[in-house]
Amino acid sequence: MTLLVVGLSHRSAPVSVLERAALAPEARGKLLQDTVSAEPVTESAVLSTCNRIELYADVDKFHAGVAELSTLLARHSGAGLEELTPYLYVHYEDRAVHHLFSVACGLDSMVVGEGQILGQIKDALAVAQELHTAGRLLNDLFQQALRVGKRAHSETGIDKAGQSLVTFGLEQLAGGRDVETWARGKRALVIGAGSMSSLAATTLVRAGVGELAVANRTVERAERLVRILTEPGGPGAANGLRARAAAMTSVPQELALADIVVSCTGATGLVLAGEMVAAAREGNTAPLALLDLAMPRDIDAAVHRIEGAHLVDIESLADASADAPMAADVDKVRGIVSDEVAAFGAAQRAAHITPTVVALRTMAADVVAGEIARLDGRLPDLDDKQRAEITQTVRRVVDKLLHAPTVRVKQLASEPGGAGYADALRELFDLDPQTVAAVSRADTRADRHDVRERA
C-alpha cells in the first residue's frame, strides 16, 4: 500500500483556479465515496479549506492512484482536469506524511503559524470516519498530524510567526493601526455562521466593536452565535455589545449600516455583488472595510473600484503574507516535523510486520498443539498434572526460541528499508500467505469497527 496525496493550494495555484476548484460541502462526501470505490484506493480523506484542496488516499498502485485522484478532484470540483493539472502537486509515502504534518503546524499556511488549520484537519478526519472511508493508515496519519500540530504550538513560539487568517485580514484592513483601536465602537456585519465566521465575529467582539449583526442562510445558527457572544461570560457581555441575528434577505439593509463587513459562507456564487455594495454606499461618506475569507469569493472583486470601500480578499491576503516575517521558531517546528515523520514511518513499518509475527506464533502454537496431541496418543496414562507440565514446558521452549527473532525483526522492520524483513520471515519459516492475509484482514475489520465506534 502507498500513502498518496494529490492537491493544490495557494502555493501552487492562483486564487482564480482555487475558486473554480473549490468543493461545496455536499460534494466532499460524494468525492470520498467515489474515491474508495475506485480500484486502486482502499482509504480516503479530503482536506478542503479556503486556500487548499487535498485528497489523501491509501492506494495499491502509485501511477493509477495519481491518475484516479486527479480525475476525481476535477470531476467533483468546478474546474476541469486540463485546467487543474498544471497546478496539482503529488506527495507519497514519507513526503505525504511530511506534507500533512507541515500543514498541521501552520508551516504551509498563507499566514505561517495560524492554528485554525488544526480544526480543519480534525473536521476532515471526522467526515472520513463518519463515511467509513478512513481505515488504519489515514486514522493514524490524521490523528498523529493533530498531535504534531499541538506539539508545535505548545513547544515553540510558532504562533508568533503569524496569526489566524481572520486576524491577519483585519490587520490589513486596519492599515498598520492596532486592530482594537481601529475597530472599537464600529458597527460590524458578519455574513455566515460557520467556524471561520464565528472566529471572525469573536475576534471583532474582543476588538471592541459596538454593534454586531450576524446574517446567515439559516437564521437559527446566526441566533445561536449571537447568544454565545452575548451570554454571561461571553466575549461581548462585559462591554455591552449590541448584537442581533439577521436573515440573508436583510443583508442589503445591514450593509448600509455597517462600518466593517466580514463574509465567509459556503455559497458557490457571489453573496455581495458590486451593485449591492455601491447601493449601500449611496449618501454614506463613512469608509466601509470589507474582508472576504470565502473560497470561492463571497464579495465581488468590482468592490475594489467603489469609492470609500476597502476590500481585502484571499488574493490580496496571499500577496501581503508573502512578505510576512518568519519567526526563528519556524526552524524548531521544522525539526519537530522531521522527527515526527521519522517516528510515524517507523511505527507504520513495525505495524506492517505484525501480521507475519502473529502468523508465526500461530504456526508455533499449532505445532505445539499437534505434538501434545501426538504425545497423548503415545502416553495415554499421563495424568492431568503431568500433561499440563509437559505442555507448559514445550510452550516455554518455543516462546524462548521465538522471542529474540521476533523482537529483533520488529526493530529491523521499523528502520528505513525494513519492509523486506516480513518477506524474509515468511520465507524462512514457510508461512502460509493466506494465514498472514487473514490476520491482516482481521486487523482491518477491527480498525473499521473502532472507526465506527469513534465516529
Protein backbone atom coordinates (compact mmCIF):
# COMPACT_ATOMS: atom_id res chain seq x y z
CA MET A 1 0.00 0.00 0.00
CA THR A 2 1.10 3.57 -0.69
CA LEU A 3 0.08 6.80 1.06
CA LEU A 4 -0.66 9.36 -1.62
CA VAL A 5 -1.84 12.97 -1.60
CA VAL A 6 -2.91 14.95 -4.65
CA GLY A 7 -3.92 18.57 -4.22
CA LEU A 8 -3.50 22.23 -4.92
CA SER A 9 -3.14 25.24 -2.64
CA HIS A 10 -2.37 28.93 -2.56
CA ARG A 11 1.28 27.97 -3.04
CA SER A 12 0.70 26.07 -6.29
CA ALA A 13 -2.30 27.74 -7.92
CA PRO A 14 -3.63 31.27 -8.47
CA VAL A 15 -6.69 32.26 -6.48
CA SER A 16 -8.85 32.23 -9.61
CA VAL A 17 -8.12 28.50 -10.08
CA LEU A 18 -8.66 27.75 -6.38
CA GLU A 19 -12.03 29.46 -6.60
CA ARG A 20 -13.18 27.33 -9.50
CA ALA A 21 -11.84 24.16 -7.90
CA ALA A 22 -13.45 24.80 -4.50
CA LEU A 23 -15.54 21.89 -3.20
CA ALA A 24 -19.05 22.56 -1.97
CA PRO A 25 -19.67 20.90 1.44
CA GLU A 26 -22.09 18.40 -0.06
CA ALA A 27 -19.54 17.44 -2.75
CA ARG A 28 -16.91 16.32 -0.23
CA GLY A 29 -18.81 13.25 0.91
CA LYS A 30 -19.52 12.15 -2.65
CA LEU A 31 -15.85 12.66 -3.53
CA LEU A 32 -14.75 10.43 -0.64
CA GLN A 33 -17.22 7.69 -1.53
CA ASP A 34 -16.25 7.75 -5.20
CA THR A 35 -12.58 7.65 -4.23
CA VAL A 36 -12.82 4.50 -2.11
CA SER A 37 -14.90 2.92 -4.88
CA ALA A 38 -12.02 3.37 -7.32
CA GLU A 39 -9.95 0.24 -7.98
CA PRO A 40 -6.53 1.38 -6.66
CA VAL A 41 -7.87 3.03 -3.48
CA THR A 42 -8.66 1.49 -0.09
CA GLU A 43 -8.96 4.62 2.11
CA SER A 44 -9.55 8.33 1.51
CA ALA A 45 -9.87 11.69 3.28
CA VAL A 46 -10.23 15.20 1.89
CA LEU A 47 -8.84 18.40 3.42
CA SER A 48 -10.72 21.33 1.91
CA THR A 49 -10.15 24.86 3.22
CA CYS A 50 -10.31 28.38 1.84
CA ASN A 51 -6.84 28.03 0.32
CA ARG A 52 -6.24 24.32 -0.25
CA ILE A 53 -7.93 21.20 -1.58
CA GLU A 54 -6.10 17.94 -0.89
CA LEU A 55 -7.21 14.36 -1.39
CA TYR A 56 -5.40 11.75 0.74
CA ALA A 57 -5.60 8.06 -0.10
CA ASP A 58 -4.09 4.67 0.54
CA VAL A 59 -3.53 3.12 -2.89
CA ASP A 60 -2.02 -0.12 -4.15
CA LYS A 61 -0.83 1.32 -7.47
CA PHE A 62 1.01 4.63 -7.47
CA HIS A 63 0.56 5.82 -11.07
CA ALA A 64 -3.01 4.59 -11.30
CA GLY A 65 -3.68 6.25 -7.94
CA VAL A 66 -2.36 9.64 -9.11
CA ALA A 67 -4.47 9.47 -12.27
CA GLU A 68 -7.59 8.42 -10.37
CA LEU A 69 -7.28 11.03 -7.62
CA SER A 70 -6.58 13.81 -10.11
CA THR A 71 -9.60 12.84 -12.20
CA LEU A 72 -11.88 12.63 -9.17
CA LEU A 73 -10.77 16.04 -7.86
CA ALA A 74 -11.58 17.58 -11.22
CA ARG A 75 -14.90 15.74 -11.52
CA HIS A 76 -16.18 16.93 -8.15
CA SER A 77 -14.82 20.47 -8.30
CA GLY A 78 -15.72 23.30 -10.61
CA ALA A 79 -12.57 23.04 -12.73
CA GLY A 80 -11.69 20.63 -15.50
CA LEU A 81 -8.75 18.24 -15.34
CA GLU A 82 -6.80 20.09 -18.03
CA GLU A 83 -7.13 23.31 -16.04
CA LEU A 84 -6.15 21.71 -12.72
CA THR A 85 -3.24 19.55 -13.87
CA PRO A 86 -0.59 22.31 -14.14
CA TYR A 87 -1.25 23.32 -10.52
CA LEU A 88 -1.59 19.91 -8.84
CA TYR A 89 1.14 18.58 -6.57
CA VAL A 90 1.72 14.96 -5.63
CA HIS A 91 3.34 13.62 -2.47
CA TYR A 92 3.69 9.97 -1.50
CA GLU A 93 4.83 7.88 1.43
CA ASP A 94 7.14 9.87 3.77
CA ARG A 95 6.77 13.03 1.66
CA ALA A 96 3.00 12.84 2.05
CA VAL A 97 3.37 12.43 5.82
CA HIS A 98 5.82 15.34 5.94
CA HIS A 99 3.40 17.49 3.96
CA LEU A 100 0.40 16.89 6.24
CA PHE A 101 2.46 17.37 9.39
CA SER A 102 3.78 20.67 7.99
CA VAL A 103 0.23 21.74 7.15
CA ALA A 104 -0.93 20.84 10.68
CA CYS A 105 1.81 23.02 12.20
CA GLY A 106 0.86 26.00 10.04
CA LEU A 107 4.11 25.92 8.05
CA ASP A 108 2.20 25.66 4.77
CA SER A 109 -0.50 28.20 5.66
CA MET A 110 -0.98 31.53 3.97
CA VAL A 111 -0.19 33.07 7.34
CA VAL A 112 2.59 30.98 8.87
CA GLY A 113 1.75 29.55 12.27
CA GLU A 114 -2.01 30.04 12.19
CA GLY A 115 -3.77 27.46 14.32
CA GLN A 116 -7.17 27.22 12.65
CA ILE A 117 -5.90 24.52 10.28
CA LEU A 118 -5.91 22.06 13.21
CA GLY A 119 -9.68 22.36 13.45
CA GLN A 120 -9.99 21.85 9.71
CA ILE A 121 -7.85 18.70 9.84
CA LYS A 122 -9.97 17.42 12.71
CA ASP A 123 -13.12 18.05 10.66
CA ALA A 124 -11.61 16.27 7.63
CA LEU A 125 -10.92 13.20 9.77
CA ALA A 126 -14.39 13.31 11.33
CA VAL A 127 -16.05 13.32 7.90
CA ALA A 128 -13.91 10.41 6.69
CA GLN A 129 -14.71 8.47 9.87
CA GLU A 130 -18.42 9.20 9.56
CA LEU A 131 -18.44 7.91 5.98
CA HIS A 132 -16.14 4.98 6.88
CA THR A 133 -13.57 5.95 4.23
CA ALA A 134 -10.68 6.21 6.70
CA GLY A 135 -9.04 2.98 7.81
CA ARG A 136 -5.96 2.27 9.89
CA LEU A 137 -3.48 4.31 7.81
CA LEU A 138 -5.44 7.55 7.46
CA ASN A 139 -6.76 7.40 11.01
CA ASP A 140 -3.23 7.01 12.32
CA LEU A 141 -1.95 9.72 9.96
CA PHE A 142 -4.54 12.38 10.78
CA GLN A 143 -4.57 11.66 14.50
CA GLN A 144 -0.78 11.98 14.56
CA ALA A 145 -0.94 15.18 12.48
CA LEU A 146 -3.21 16.72 15.11
CA ARG A 147 -0.79 15.73 17.86
CA VAL A 148 2.17 17.12 15.92
CA GLY A 149 0.38 20.42 15.34
CA LYS A 150 -0.50 20.75 19.01
CA ARG A 151 3.08 19.89 19.96
CA ALA A 152 4.43 22.59 17.63
CA HIS A 153 2.17 25.23 19.18
CA SER A 154 2.91 24.19 22.77
CA GLU A 155 6.68 23.72 22.46
CA THR A 156 7.59 26.66 20.21
CA GLY A 157 6.60 30.23 19.52
CA ILE A 158 5.20 29.41 16.07
CA ASP A 159 2.04 31.30 16.99
CA LYS A 160 4.11 34.48 16.97
CA ALA A 161 5.21 33.84 13.39
CA GLY A 162 1.72 34.59 12.17
CA GLN A 163 -1.90 34.98 13.18
CA SER A 164 -5.14 33.40 12.09
CA LEU A 165 -6.38 34.42 8.66
CA VAL A 166 -9.09 36.48 10.35
CA THR A 167 -6.63 38.49 12.45
CA PHE A 168 -4.26 38.92 9.55
CA GLY A 169 -7.10 40.13 7.33
CA LEU A 170 -8.29 42.64 9.93
CA GLU A 171 -4.73 43.90 10.32
CA GLN A 172 -4.64 44.53 6.58
CA LEU A 173 -7.91 46.45 6.78
CA ALA A 174 -6.59 48.47 9.72
CA GLY A 175 -3.68 49.57 7.56
CA GLY A 176 -1.00 49.11 10.18
CA ARG A 177 -3.01 50.52 13.06
CA ASP A 178 -3.79 48.48 16.15
CA VAL A 179 -6.89 46.42 15.34
CA GLU A 180 -8.54 47.09 18.70
CA THR A 181 -8.08 50.84 18.32
CA TRP A 182 -9.32 50.71 14.72
CA ALA A 183 -12.39 48.53 15.42
CA ARG A 184 -13.51 49.99 18.75
CA GLY A 185 -17.09 51.26 18.65
CA LYS A 186 -17.65 50.39 14.99
CA ARG A 187 -20.66 48.57 13.58
CA ALA A 188 -19.83 45.18 12.12
CA LEU A 189 -21.67 42.75 9.86
CA VAL A 190 -20.57 39.11 9.71
CA ILE A 191 -22.08 37.03 6.92
CA GLY A 192 -22.10 33.31 7.66
CA ALA A 193 -22.17 31.37 10.93
CA GLY A 194 -19.64 28.60 10.28
CA SER A 195 -16.31 28.13 12.01
CA MET A 196 -14.47 30.92 10.15
CA SER A 197 -17.35 33.38 10.52
CA SER A 198 -17.69 32.52 14.21
CA LEU A 199 -13.97 33.17 14.67
CA ALA A 200 -14.35 36.49 12.85
CA ALA A 201 -17.32 37.53 14.99
CA THR A 202 -15.49 36.59 18.19
CA THR A 203 -12.36 38.45 17.09
CA LEU A 204 -14.36 41.59 16.27
CA VAL A 205 -16.22 41.48 19.57
CA ARG A 206 -12.98 41.11 21.51
CA ALA A 207 -11.56 44.01 19.50
CA GLY A 208 -14.37 46.17 20.88
CA VAL A 209 -16.92 46.70 18.10
CA GLY A 210 -20.01 48.37 19.50
CA GLU A 211 -22.60 46.68 17.33
CA LEU A 212 -22.67 43.34 15.54
CA ALA A 213 -25.11 41.78 13.08
CA VAL A 214 -24.74 38.13 12.06
CA ALA A 215 -26.51 37.15 8.84
CA ASN A 216 -26.88 33.55 7.80
CA ARG A 217 -28.99 31.44 5.45
CA THR A 218 -30.21 29.50 8.49
CA VAL A 219 -31.22 32.22 10.94
CA GLU A 220 -31.21 29.78 13.88
CA ARG A 221 -27.44 29.32 13.51
CA ALA A 222 -26.95 33.08 13.50
CA GLU A 223 -29.10 33.38 16.62
CA ARG A 224 -27.04 30.67 18.34
CA LEU A 225 -23.80 32.52 17.58
CA VAL A 226 -25.26 35.77 18.91
CA ARG A 227 -26.31 34.04 22.14
CA ILE A 228 -22.81 32.63 22.62
CA LEU A 229 -21.27 36.06 22.13
CA THR A 230 -23.64 37.92 24.45
CA GLU A 231 -24.42 35.40 27.21
CA PRO A 232 -22.91 35.98 30.69
CA GLY A 233 -19.24 35.16 30.46
CA GLY A 234 -19.27 35.58 26.68
CA PRO A 235 -16.80 37.95 24.97
CA GLY A 236 -19.44 40.62 24.37
CA ALA A 237 -21.13 40.57 27.77
CA ALA A 238 -18.68 42.85 29.56
CA ASN A 239 -18.74 45.74 27.08
CA GLY A 240 -22.49 45.84 26.47
CA LEU A 241 -22.29 44.63 22.90
CA ARG A 242 -25.45 45.19 20.84
CA ALA A 243 -25.82 42.07 18.69
CA ARG A 244 -28.57 40.63 16.53
CA ALA A 245 -29.17 37.82 14.06
CA ALA A 246 -30.40 38.59 10.57
CA ALA A 247 -31.71 36.72 7.56
CA MET A 248 -29.76 36.81 4.32
CA THR A 249 -32.61 38.79 2.75
CA SER A 250 -31.83 41.69 5.10
CA VAL A 251 -28.12 41.87 4.13
CA PRO A 252 -28.60 44.97 1.91
CA GLN A 253 -30.10 46.89 4.85
CA GLU A 254 -27.44 45.65 7.29
CA LEU A 255 -24.74 46.54 4.77
CA ALA A 256 -25.89 50.15 4.69
CA LEU A 257 -25.42 50.36 8.48
CA ALA A 258 -22.05 48.63 8.73
CA ASP A 259 -18.52 50.01 9.02
CA ILE A 260 -16.88 46.56 8.85
CA VAL A 261 -18.06 43.53 6.87
CA VAL A 262 -16.60 40.03 7.11
CA SER A 263 -18.02 37.34 4.85
CA CYS A 264 -17.26 33.64 4.78
CA THR A 265 -20.05 31.40 3.53
CA GLY A 266 -20.17 28.16 1.58
CA ALA A 267 -22.06 29.79 -1.27
CA THR A 268 -20.96 28.92 -4.79
CA GLY A 269 -21.90 32.36 -6.14
CA LEU A 270 -21.39 35.96 -5.02
CA VAL A 271 -23.07 36.99 -1.79
CA LEU A 272 -22.28 40.71 -2.13
CA ALA A 273 -22.44 41.92 -5.72
CA GLY A 274 -20.75 45.18 -6.65
CA GLU A 275 -24.14 46.81 -7.26
CA MET A 276 -25.31 45.90 -3.75
CA VAL A 277 -22.23 47.45 -2.14
CA ALA A 278 -22.49 50.53 -4.36
CA ALA A 279 -26.13 50.97 -3.36
CA ALA A 280 -25.21 50.72 0.32
CA ARG A 281 -22.57 53.42 -0.20
CA GLU A 282 -25.02 55.97 -1.65
CA GLY A 283 -25.15 59.02 0.58
CA ASN A 284 -22.71 57.42 3.02
CA THR A 285 -19.37 59.13 3.47
CA ALA A 286 -18.02 56.83 6.19
CA PRO A 287 -15.43 54.32 4.92
CA LEU A 288 -16.53 50.72 4.53
CA ALA A 289 -14.00 47.92 5.24
CA LEU A 290 -14.77 44.51 3.78
CA LEU A 291 -12.94 41.22 4.47
CA ASP A 292 -13.75 38.27 2.20
CA LEU A 293 -12.46 34.96 3.61
CA ALA A 294 -14.54 32.67 1.40
CA MET A 295 -13.36 30.37 -1.36
CA PRO A 296 -14.85 30.84 -3.89
CA ARG A 297 -15.16 34.50 -3.05
CA ASP A 298 -18.31 35.96 -1.49
CA ILE A 299 -17.66 39.59 -2.43
CA ASP A 300 -17.46 40.88 -5.98
CA ALA A 301 -13.93 41.96 -6.92
CA ALA A 302 -15.55 45.05 -8.50
CA VAL A 303 -15.87 46.43 -4.96
CA HIS A 304 -12.18 47.39 -5.24
CA ARG A 305 -13.31 50.16 -7.61
CA ILE A 306 -16.06 51.58 -5.39
CA GLU A 307 -15.08 54.84 -3.73
CA GLY A 308 -14.90 54.64 0.05
CA ALA A 309 -14.87 50.82 0.08
CA HIS A 310 -11.71 48.92 1.03
CA LEU A 311 -11.82 45.22 0.18
CA VAL A 312 -9.33 42.62 1.42
CA ASP A 313 -9.84 39.16 -0.04
CA ILE A 314 -7.92 35.89 -0.24
CA GLU A 315 -5.91 37.10 -3.20
CA SER A 316 -4.72 40.29 -1.53
CA LEU A 317 -4.01 38.36 1.69
CA ALA A 318 -1.78 36.00 -0.30
CA ASP A 319 0.17 38.96 -1.67
CA ALA A 320 0.51 40.55 1.77
CA SER A 321 1.56 37.34 3.52
CA ALA A 322 4.37 36.74 1.03
CA ASP A 323 6.34 39.45 2.83
CA ALA A 324 5.38 38.40 6.36
CA PRO A 325 8.41 37.85 8.62
CA MET A 326 9.35 34.31 9.55
CA ALA A 327 9.92 33.67 13.24
CA ALA A 328 13.02 31.86 14.43
CA ASP A 329 10.70 29.26 15.93
CA VAL A 330 9.80 28.08 12.43
CA ASP A 331 13.10 26.20 12.32
CA LYS A 332 12.22 24.46 15.59
CA VAL A 333 8.89 23.38 14.15
CA ARG A 334 10.59 22.02 11.06
CA GLY A 335 12.78 19.93 13.35
CA ILE A 336 9.70 18.63 15.18
CA VAL A 337 8.07 17.73 11.86
CA SER A 338 11.15 15.83 10.68
CA ASP A 339 11.38 13.87 13.94
CA GLU A 340 7.67 13.04 13.89
CA VAL A 341 7.77 11.91 10.26
CA ALA A 342 10.59 9.50 11.10
CA ALA A 343 8.70 8.19 14.15
CA PHE A 344 5.49 7.75 12.16
CA GLY A 345 7.30 5.87 9.41
CA ALA A 346 8.99 3.58 11.93
CA ALA A 347 5.67 2.83 13.63
CA GLN A 348 3.97 2.05 10.33
CA ARG A 349 6.79 -0.22 9.20
CA ALA A 350 6.73 -2.03 12.53
CA ALA A 351 2.97 -2.46 12.26
CA HIS A 352 3.42 -3.87 8.76
CA ILE A 353 5.31 -6.90 10.10
CA THR A 354 2.88 -7.61 12.95
CA PRO A 355 0.58 -9.92 10.92
CA THR A 356 3.63 -12.00 9.93
CA VAL A 357 4.79 -12.28 13.56
CA VAL A 358 1.26 -13.22 14.66
CA ALA A 359 1.10 -15.83 11.89
CA LEU A 360 4.47 -17.24 13.01
CA ARG A 361 3.34 -17.56 16.61
CA THR A 362 0.06 -19.10 15.45
CA MET A 363 2.00 -21.69 13.46
CA ALA A 364 4.19 -22.42 16.51
CA ALA A 365 1.11 -22.84 18.71
CA ASP A 366 -0.35 -25.26 16.16
CA VAL A 367 2.90 -27.25 16.18
CA VAL A 368 2.83 -27.43 19.99
CA ALA A 369 -0.82 -28.49 19.98
CA GLY A 370 -0.09 -31.18 17.40
CA GLU A 371 2.85 -32.58 19.34
CA ILE A 372 0.91 -32.63 22.60
CA ALA A 373 -1.91 -34.47 20.86
CA ARG A 374 0.60 -36.98 19.49
CA LEU A 375 2.08 -37.41 22.98
CA ASP A 376 -1.37 -38.09 24.40
CA GLY A 377 -1.71 -40.93 21.91
CA ARG A 378 1.65 -42.43 22.78
CA LEU A 379 1.41 -41.91 26.55
CA PRO A 380 -2.29 -42.22 27.39
CA ASP A 381 -1.57 -42.89 31.06
CA LEU A 382 -0.30 -39.36 31.76
CA ASP A 383 -2.38 -37.65 34.44
CA ASP A 384 -3.66 -34.09 34.05
CA LYS A 385 -0.86 -32.58 36.14
CA GLN A 386 1.87 -34.30 34.13
CA ARG A 387 0.25 -33.38 30.82
CA ALA A 388 -0.08 -29.72 31.89
CA GLU A 389 3.55 -29.57 33.00
CA ILE A 390 4.80 -31.06 29.72
CA THR A 391 2.57 -28.72 27.70
CA GLN A 392 3.81 -25.66 29.64
CA THR A 393 7.46 -26.75 29.21
CA VAL A 394 7.12 -27.16 25.43
CA ARG A 395 5.38 -23.78 25.14
CA ARG A 396 8.15 -22.09 27.15
CA VAL A 397 10.83 -23.60 24.91
CA VAL A 398 9.03 -22.41 21.76
CA ASP A 399 8.42 -18.95 23.23
CA LYS A 400 12.08 -18.56 24.17
CA LEU A 401 13.23 -19.66 20.73
CA LEU A 402 10.87 -17.20 19.01
CA HIS A 403 11.30 -14.26 21.39
CA ALA A 404 14.66 -12.91 20.20
CA PRO A 405 14.00 -13.21 16.43
CA THR A 406 10.51 -11.68 16.63
CA VAL A 407 11.66 -8.76 18.78
CA ARG A 408 14.66 -8.18 16.54
CA VAL A 409 12.66 -8.40 13.32
CA LYS A 410 10.25 -5.75 14.64
CA GLN A 411 13.20 -3.48 15.39
CA LEU A 412 14.71 -4.04 11.96
CA ALA A 413 11.36 -3.58 10.24
CA SER A 414 10.94 -0.14 11.84
CA GLU A 415 14.07 1.12 10.08
CA PRO A 416 14.05 2.56 6.55
CA GLY A 417 14.07 -0.24 4.03
CA GLY A 418 12.88 -2.70 6.67
CA ALA A 419 9.75 -3.80 4.84
CA GLY A 420 11.63 -6.77 3.34
CA TYR A 421 12.09 -8.42 6.73
CA ALA A 422 8.46 -9.53 6.73
CA ASP A 423 9.04 -11.29 3.42
CA ALA A 424 12.22 -12.91 4.77
CA LEU A 425 10.40 -14.16 7.88
CA ARG A 426 7.61 -15.68 5.79
CA GLU A 427 10.19 -17.38 3.53
CA LEU A 428 12.41 -18.72 6.33
CA PHE A 429 9.52 -20.24 8.28
CA ASP A 430 7.49 -21.23 5.21
CA LEU A 431 4.46 -19.35 6.50
CA ASP A 432 1.19 -19.73 4.66
CA PRO A 433 0.45 -16.41 2.88
CA GLN A 434 -3.25 -16.98 3.43
CA THR A 435 -2.71 -17.11 7.19
CA VAL A 436 -0.83 -13.79 7.14
CA ALA A 437 -3.54 -12.25 4.95
CA ALA A 438 -6.22 -13.50 7.34
CA VAL A 439 -4.51 -11.74 10.26
CA SER A 440 -4.30 -8.52 8.21
CA ARG A 441 -7.98 -8.73 7.30
CA ALA A 442 -8.91 -9.28 10.95
CA ASP A 443 -6.91 -6.20 11.95
CA THR A 444 -8.61 -4.16 9.24
CA ARG A 445 -12.07 -5.25 10.36
CA ALA A 446 -11.20 -4.31 13.94
CA ASP A 447 -9.92 -0.91 12.81
CA ARG A 448 -13.12 -0.22 10.90
CA HIS A 449 -15.17 -1.22 13.93
CA ASP A 450 -13.12 1.20 16.07
CA VAL A 451 -13.69 3.95 13.50
CA ARG A 452 -17.44 3.42 13.66
CA GLU A 453 -17.31 3.47 17.46
CA ARG A 454 -15.41 6.77 17.43
CA ALA A 455 -17.47 8.40 14.67
